[in-house]
Every structure is written in structure tokens, then in C-alpha cells.
């Protein structure tokens, strides 16, 4: 074996060891966070805590309003941002003729993705709460999250659209399909993984957002229905975690909320993966 070959083997061995070390450190960090949160939260879990509202009269604490507010907020934001983001990505990749316009929009999208969330909160407060007279409400917070997560949906969907082979489009158009029919039946089903990835990333950012929501959604712990809840101020789980830990010193409740956030994140990831797999299987059966 030559000296050059030995050097290559040694270099490959060192790089493989470094990569395994990085993987081990990453997994260890994730497991440490999960186990630490579970160990601190499990002794304080109770059905009363999860199914009731806070009562200052009885001096009891409940996180049910915070859970429902989080679900309302994420659902409302996704119902708005997904059509907008996917539609914008389809236009940029399939319909736009001017490359200068595409580059300008992509530059604007990349700029939006780098703006700190506290600035989004300030703009959302001025634009939605005051100018549009939505006041401090979950709807104003949802619209703020739409602006924050629109770049993520656009970029992930656009990159996924670029992976669809050009021959698929040419074949569909050659068979007489219109452009929109081709996009709807051929292109979008092939890039459903990218759309699911963008949805997961957006949901993760929405779950972890607190700075922008303090300006727009507020931190009330009231239990409301869907329509009334969207029009009223409300604390999400992350905002409630901040309030209980920083303002009230209730660290036990804060760790319970952290465990709930971890569980919601896992549920969202699994749901998106199952939906993407089901769509792929249905597409394969139709073909």
C-alpha cells in the first residue's frame, strides 16, 4: 500500500470518527434535554392542572386555556400561511417569466427570514393591533406568525419543486394537460415531502415563539371557544411558560408546560410524516 493511499485511509478514518463524535454529542444533548424536562415535570403532572383554568379565588393553576390558545393560533396561522407560501413558490418556479423579478422576490424572502422575531412583534402590534383595530388578540398574533413563517414555506416548497424532473412537466404538457392541471396533478404530489417539511419547520417556530406574541396576542389565561378565542387576548404555552417562570416563580408548572410543548412537537412531526407517506402511497396506487 502506497503512502498516499495510507494518508487517504487515515484521513477518512479521522473524518468518520469526527462525524460519529458530532452525532453522539447531538443525540446526547437532545436526550439530556428531554430527560431533564421529563424528570422535572412528571412529578407535577395532574389531570386538574391539564383540564382547568387558573383561578385566583381558589389559588389554583391550570394550563387548559394555554393549550387551546396554542392550538387555535397554530391552526389559524397554518390555514393562512400554507396556501400563500405554496402558491407563491408555485408562481416563482412554474409561472414567473422574469428572472429579475424572481431574484428580487427571493432576496426579499431571504431578508424576511433573517429579521428578529421581536421586530415582527413590534410591526404586528402597530399594523394589526392598532391600524387594523384587531387589538391584542390571537388573530393578530396568528397574522404576525404568518408573516414570520411565510419565507420558510416559500423556500422549502420552492426547493422541493426544483427537484421534480423537467421530463415530468414536458410529458404532462405533451399529453395535452394545461399548466395548472400539470402543476396540480404531477408537480405538487411529487414535492409533498418539501411542503410537509416546511409545515413542520413552521409549526416548530410557532410553538417556540414568545417575543412576537407578547406584543400581539397578550398573556391572558381565559378559556374561550374558537371564534371568541381568536378575537380575544390569550397566552400560548410559550408565553405562559415565560410568565410562570419569570413573573410568578412557578417553575414546576413551567416544566410541565415544557413537557407539553415537547409532546406537541412530536405529534406535529409524526402527523406531517404520516400524511406525506399516505399521499405518496395514494399517488403510487393511482399510477
Protein backbone atom coordinates (compact mmCIF):
# COMPACT_ATOMS: atom_id res chain seq x y z
CA UNK A 1 0.00 0.00 0.00
CA UNK A 2 1.41 3.38 -1.02
CA UNK A 3 1.94 6.32 1.30
CA UNK A 4 -0.77 8.36 -0.49
CA UNK A 5 -3.27 5.54 -0.02
CA UNK A 6 -2.43 5.29 3.70
CA UNK A 7 -2.92 9.04 4.09
CA UNK A 8 -6.33 8.83 2.41
CA UNK A 9 -7.37 5.95 4.65
CA UNK A 10 -6.17 7.79 7.76
CA UNK A 11 -7.97 10.96 6.68
CA UNK A 12 -11.20 9.03 6.02
CA UNK A 13 -10.91 7.32 9.40
CA UNK A 14 -10.38 10.62 11.22
CA UNK A 15 -13.29 12.29 9.44
CA UNK A 16 -15.57 9.32 10.17
CA UNK A 17 -14.60 9.45 13.84
CA UNK A 18 -15.28 13.21 13.97
CA UNK A 19 -18.68 12.76 12.34
CA UNK A 20 -19.59 10.00 14.79
CA UNK A 21 -18.47 12.24 17.64
CA UNK A 22 -20.69 15.06 16.38
CA UNK A 23 -23.64 12.69 16.01
CA UNK A 24 -23.07 11.36 19.52
CA UNK A 25 -22.88 14.86 21.01
CA UNK A 26 -26.05 15.93 19.21
CA UNK A 27 -28.00 12.88 20.34
CA UNK A 28 -26.67 13.23 23.88
CA UNK A 29 -27.78 16.85 24.03
CA UNK A 30 -31.26 16.03 22.75
CA UNK A 31 -31.66 13.12 25.17
CA UNK A 32 -30.37 15.22 28.07
CA UNK A 33 -32.92 17.98 27.39
CA UNK A 34 -35.81 15.52 27.02
CA UNK A 35 -34.90 13.50 30.11
CA UNK A 36 -34.25 16.59 32.24
CA UNK A 37 -37.60 18.12 31.31
CA UNK A 38 -39.44 14.84 31.93
CA UNK A 39 -37.74 14.24 35.27
CA UNK A 40 -38.61 17.76 36.46
CA UNK A 41 -42.19 17.70 35.11
CA UNK A 42 -43.59 14.19 35.66
CA UNK A 43 -43.97 14.53 39.47
CA UNK A 44 -46.13 17.62 38.94
CA UNK A 45 -48.43 16.30 36.19
CA UNK A 46 -52.08 16.10 37.22
CA UNK A 47 -55.41 15.97 35.45
CA UNK A 48 -56.55 19.07 37.31
CA UNK A 49 -53.58 21.04 36.01
CA UNK A 50 -54.23 19.99 32.41
CA UNK A 51 -58.03 20.33 32.38
CA UNK A 52 -58.79 23.51 34.34
CA UNK A 53 -58.31 27.25 34.08
CA UNK A 54 -56.32 29.34 36.56
CA UNK A 55 -58.42 30.60 39.45
CA UNK A 56 -57.16 33.42 41.61
CA UNK A 57 -60.07 32.88 44.00
CA UNK A 58 -59.19 29.26 44.76
CA UNK A 59 -55.47 29.88 44.11
CA UNK A 60 -55.28 27.04 41.59
CA UNK A 61 -53.27 26.85 38.38
CA UNK A 62 -54.46 25.31 35.12
CA UNK A 63 -52.96 25.29 31.64
CA UNK A 64 -56.01 24.26 29.58
CA UNK A 65 -56.55 27.80 28.20
CA UNK A 66 -52.90 27.99 27.18
CA UNK A 67 -53.12 24.65 25.35
CA UNK A 68 -56.27 25.68 23.48
CA UNK A 69 -54.84 29.10 22.65
CA UNK A 70 -51.77 27.42 21.15
CA UNK A 71 -53.93 25.10 19.04
CA UNK A 72 -56.13 28.00 17.86
CA UNK A 73 -53.13 30.14 17.00
CA UNK A 74 -51.21 27.47 15.07
CA UNK A 75 -54.31 26.29 13.20
CA UNK A 76 -55.28 29.81 12.14
CA UNK A 77 -51.73 30.66 11.08
CA UNK A 78 -51.30 27.44 9.06
CA UNK A 79 -54.63 27.89 7.28
CA UNK A 80 -53.36 31.25 6.02
CA UNK A 81 -49.63 30.70 5.51
CA UNK A 82 -49.74 27.33 3.71
CA UNK A 83 -51.84 28.45 0.72
CA UNK A 84 -49.92 31.71 0.50
CA UNK A 85 -46.49 30.11 0.76
CA UNK A 86 -47.16 27.18 -1.58
CA UNK A 87 -48.90 29.47 -4.08
CA UNK A 88 -46.01 31.92 -4.07
CA UNK A 89 -43.48 29.09 -4.55
CA UNK A 90 -45.51 27.63 -7.45
CA UNK A 91 -45.68 31.03 -9.11
CA UNK A 92 -41.95 31.66 -8.73
CA UNK A 93 -40.97 28.23 -10.04
CA UNK A 94 -43.65 27.50 -12.64
CA UNK A 95 -45.18 30.75 -13.90
CA UNK A 96 -42.79 33.67 -13.43
CA UNK A 97 -41.09 34.69 -16.66
CA UNK A 98 -38.83 37.49 -15.46
CA UNK A 99 -35.73 36.15 -13.73
CA UNK A 100 -35.06 39.61 -12.35
CA UNK A 101 -38.44 39.59 -10.60
CA UNK A 102 -37.80 36.09 -9.24
CA UNK A 103 -34.40 37.11 -7.88
CA UNK A 104 -35.89 40.23 -6.27
CA UNK A 105 -38.65 38.22 -4.56
CA UNK A 106 -36.19 35.54 -3.41
CA UNK A 107 -33.92 38.23 -1.98
CA UNK A 108 -36.87 39.76 -0.14
CA UNK A 109 -37.85 36.32 1.22
CA UNK A 110 -34.32 35.65 2.47
CA UNK A 111 -34.24 39.08 4.11
CA UNK A 112 -37.54 38.42 5.88
CA UNK A 113 -36.28 35.10 7.22
CA UNK A 114 -33.38 36.84 8.99
CA UNK A 115 -35.36 39.55 10.80
CA UNK A 116 -35.52 39.06 14.61
CA UNK A 117 -38.90 38.00 15.94
CA UNK A 118 -39.13 40.95 18.32
CA UNK A 119 -39.27 43.27 15.28
CA UNK A 120 -42.10 41.18 13.83
CA UNK A 121 -43.90 41.60 17.12
CA UNK A 122 -43.50 45.37 17.04
CA UNK A 123 -44.69 45.59 13.42
CA UNK A 124 -47.58 43.23 14.15
CA UNK A 125 -48.66 45.36 17.10
CA UNK A 126 -48.63 48.54 15.00
CA UNK A 127 -50.15 47.01 11.84
CA UNK A 128 -52.69 44.51 13.14
CA UNK A 129 -53.50 45.58 16.71
CA UNK A 130 -53.66 49.35 16.08
CA UNK A 131 -54.03 50.09 12.35
CA UNK A 132 -56.48 47.25 11.61
CA UNK A 133 -58.10 47.62 15.05
CA UNK A 134 -57.75 43.93 15.90
CA UNK A 135 -56.45 44.94 19.32
CA UNK A 136 -54.42 42.45 21.32
CA UNK A 137 -55.83 39.10 20.18
CA UNK A 138 -54.88 35.64 18.99
CA UNK A 139 -55.85 36.64 15.44
CA UNK A 140 -53.31 39.46 15.48
CA UNK A 141 -50.72 37.01 16.78
CA UNK A 142 -51.63 34.49 14.07
CA UNK A 143 -51.24 37.11 11.32
CA UNK A 144 -47.86 38.07 12.76
CA UNK A 145 -46.78 34.43 12.70
CA UNK A 146 -47.95 34.21 9.08
CA UNK A 147 -45.50 36.93 8.08
CA UNK A 148 -42.74 35.29 10.13
CA UNK A 149 -43.18 31.81 8.64
CA UNK A 150 -44.03 32.74 5.06
CA UNK A 151 -40.33 32.74 4.00
CA UNK A 152 -39.87 29.21 5.41
CA UNK A 153 -42.83 27.80 3.48
CA UNK A 154 -41.79 29.54 0.26
CA UNK A 155 -38.15 28.43 0.36
CA UNK A 156 -38.78 24.80 1.30
CA UNK A 157 -41.56 24.42 -1.27
CA UNK A 158 -39.55 26.13 -3.98
CA UNK A 159 -36.50 23.93 -3.40
CA UNK A 160 -38.74 20.86 -3.46
CA UNK A 161 -40.35 21.98 -6.72
CA UNK A 162 -36.92 22.27 -8.32
CA UNK A 163 -36.26 18.58 -7.60
CA UNK A 164 -39.15 17.45 -9.82
CA UNK A 165 -37.64 16.34 -13.18
CA UNK A 166 -38.41 18.55 -16.16
CA UNK A 167 -39.43 15.45 -18.14
CA UNK A 168 -42.49 15.06 -15.88
CA UNK A 169 -43.69 18.52 -16.84
CA UNK A 170 -42.94 18.02 -20.53
CA UNK A 171 -44.72 14.66 -20.54
CA UNK A 172 -47.85 16.09 -18.94
CA UNK A 173 -47.91 19.08 -21.27
CA UNK A 174 -47.26 16.82 -24.26
CA UNK A 175 -50.34 14.76 -23.37
CA UNK A 176 -52.48 17.89 -23.58
CA UNK A 177 -52.70 18.88 -19.92
CA UNK A 178 -52.92 22.54 -19.06
CA UNK A 179 -50.23 24.18 -16.96
CA UNK A 180 -52.34 24.34 -13.80
CA UNK A 181 -53.55 20.75 -14.28
CA UNK A 182 -49.92 19.68 -14.71
CA UNK A 183 -48.86 21.51 -11.55
CA UNK A 184 -51.79 20.16 -9.53
CA UNK A 185 -51.63 16.51 -10.59
CA UNK A 186 -47.94 15.96 -11.39
CA UNK A 187 -45.64 18.52 -9.77
CA UNK A 188 -47.24 19.12 -6.36
CA UNK A 189 -47.73 15.41 -5.49
CA UNK A 190 -44.04 14.82 -6.22
CA UNK A 191 -42.91 17.53 -3.80
CA UNK A 192 -45.28 16.83 -0.93
CA UNK A 193 -42.25 16.00 1.26
CA UNK A 194 -40.94 19.54 0.89
CA UNK A 195 -44.32 21.01 1.76
CA UNK A 196 -44.53 18.75 4.83
CA UNK A 197 -41.00 19.81 5.84
CA UNK A 198 -41.94 23.47 5.59
CA UNK A 199 -45.07 22.81 7.63
CA UNK A 200 -43.04 21.06 10.35
CA UNK A 201 -40.48 23.86 10.50
CA UNK A 202 -43.21 26.49 10.66
CA UNK A 203 -45.08 24.67 13.41
CA UNK A 204 -41.86 24.32 15.38
CA UNK A 205 -41.19 28.04 15.13
CA UNK A 206 -44.78 28.86 16.08
CA UNK A 207 -44.61 26.59 19.11
CA UNK A 208 -41.40 28.20 20.31
CA UNK A 209 -42.32 31.81 19.61
CA UNK A 210 -42.94 34.11 22.55
CA UNK A 211 -41.41 37.55 21.90
CA UNK A 212 -43.68 38.46 18.99
CA UNK A 213 -46.78 37.09 20.73
CA UNK A 214 -46.22 39.16 23.85
CA UNK A 215 -46.82 42.26 21.69
CA UNK A 216 -49.74 40.93 19.67
CA UNK A 217 -51.56 38.02 21.40
CA UNK A 218 -51.13 39.07 25.02
CA UNK A 219 -50.90 36.78 28.05
CA UNK A 220 -54.47 36.27 29.31
CA UNK A 221 -55.37 32.83 30.71
CA UNK A 222 -59.07 32.93 29.76
CA UNK A 223 -60.88 29.86 28.44
CA UNK A 224 -62.79 30.69 25.22
CA UNK A 225 -64.23 28.99 22.14
CA UNK A 226 -62.58 29.15 18.75
CA UNK A 227 -64.24 32.30 17.37
CA UNK A 228 -64.29 34.16 20.67
CA UNK A 229 -60.77 32.98 21.44
CA UNK A 230 -59.31 34.32 18.18
CA UNK A 231 -60.86 37.71 18.86
CA UNK A 232 -59.61 37.84 22.47
CA UNK A 233 -56.15 38.11 24.02
CA UNK A 234 -54.65 34.85 25.17
CA UNK A 235 -51.38 33.31 26.29
CA UNK A 236 -49.86 30.46 24.32
CA UNK A 237 -47.83 27.76 26.04
CA UNK A 238 -44.52 29.53 25.48
CA UNK A 239 -45.84 32.85 26.76
CA UNK A 240 -47.39 31.08 29.76
CA UNK A 241 -44.06 29.34 30.43
CA UNK A 242 -42.33 32.72 30.50
CA UNK A 243 -44.97 34.23 32.78
CA UNK A 244 -44.99 31.34 35.25
CA UNK A 245 -41.20 31.04 35.37
CA UNK A 246 -40.15 34.69 35.23
CA UNK A 247 -43.04 36.60 36.76
CA UNK A 248 -44.53 34.15 39.27
CA UNK A 249 -41.67 31.78 40.04
CA UNK A 250 -43.80 28.66 39.41
CA UNK A 251 -41.01 26.52 37.97
CA UNK A 252 -42.92 23.26 38.47
CA UNK A 253 -45.70 24.48 36.17
CA UNK A 254 -43.09 25.79 33.73
CA UNK A 255 -41.53 22.34 33.36
CA UNK A 256 -44.98 20.80 32.85
CA UNK A 257 -45.60 23.28 30.04
CA UNK A 258 -42.17 22.46 28.58
CA UNK A 259 -43.10 18.76 28.54
CA UNK A 260 -46.39 19.57 26.80
CA UNK A 261 -44.50 21.57 24.17
CA UNK A 262 -42.18 18.62 23.53
CA UNK A 263 -45.19 16.31 23.17
CA UNK A 264 -46.93 18.70 20.75
CA UNK A 265 -43.78 19.00 18.66
CA UNK A 266 -43.54 15.21 18.45
CA UNK A 267 -47.21 14.90 17.49
CA UNK A 268 -46.87 17.52 14.74
CA UNK A 269 -43.78 15.81 13.29
CA UNK A 270 -45.45 12.38 13.28
CA UNK A 271 -48.67 13.74 11.79
CA UNK A 272 -46.89 15.52 8.96
CA UNK A 273 -44.76 12.44 8.21
CA UNK A 274 -47.82 10.15 8.16
CA UNK A 275 -49.74 12.50 5.88
CA UNK A 276 -46.81 12.77 3.47
CA UNK A 277 -46.43 8.97 3.41
CA UNK A 278 -50.15 8.48 2.82
CA UNK A 279 -50.14 10.93 -0.08
CA UNK A 280 -47.13 9.17 -1.63
CA UNK A 281 -48.81 5.77 -1.27
CA UNK A 282 -52.01 7.04 -2.84
CA UNK A 283 -50.04 8.56 -5.69
CA UNK A 284 -48.24 5.24 -6.25
CA UNK A 285 -51.53 3.32 -6.31
CA UNK A 286 -53.03 5.74 -8.85
CA UNK A 287 -50.02 5.35 -11.11
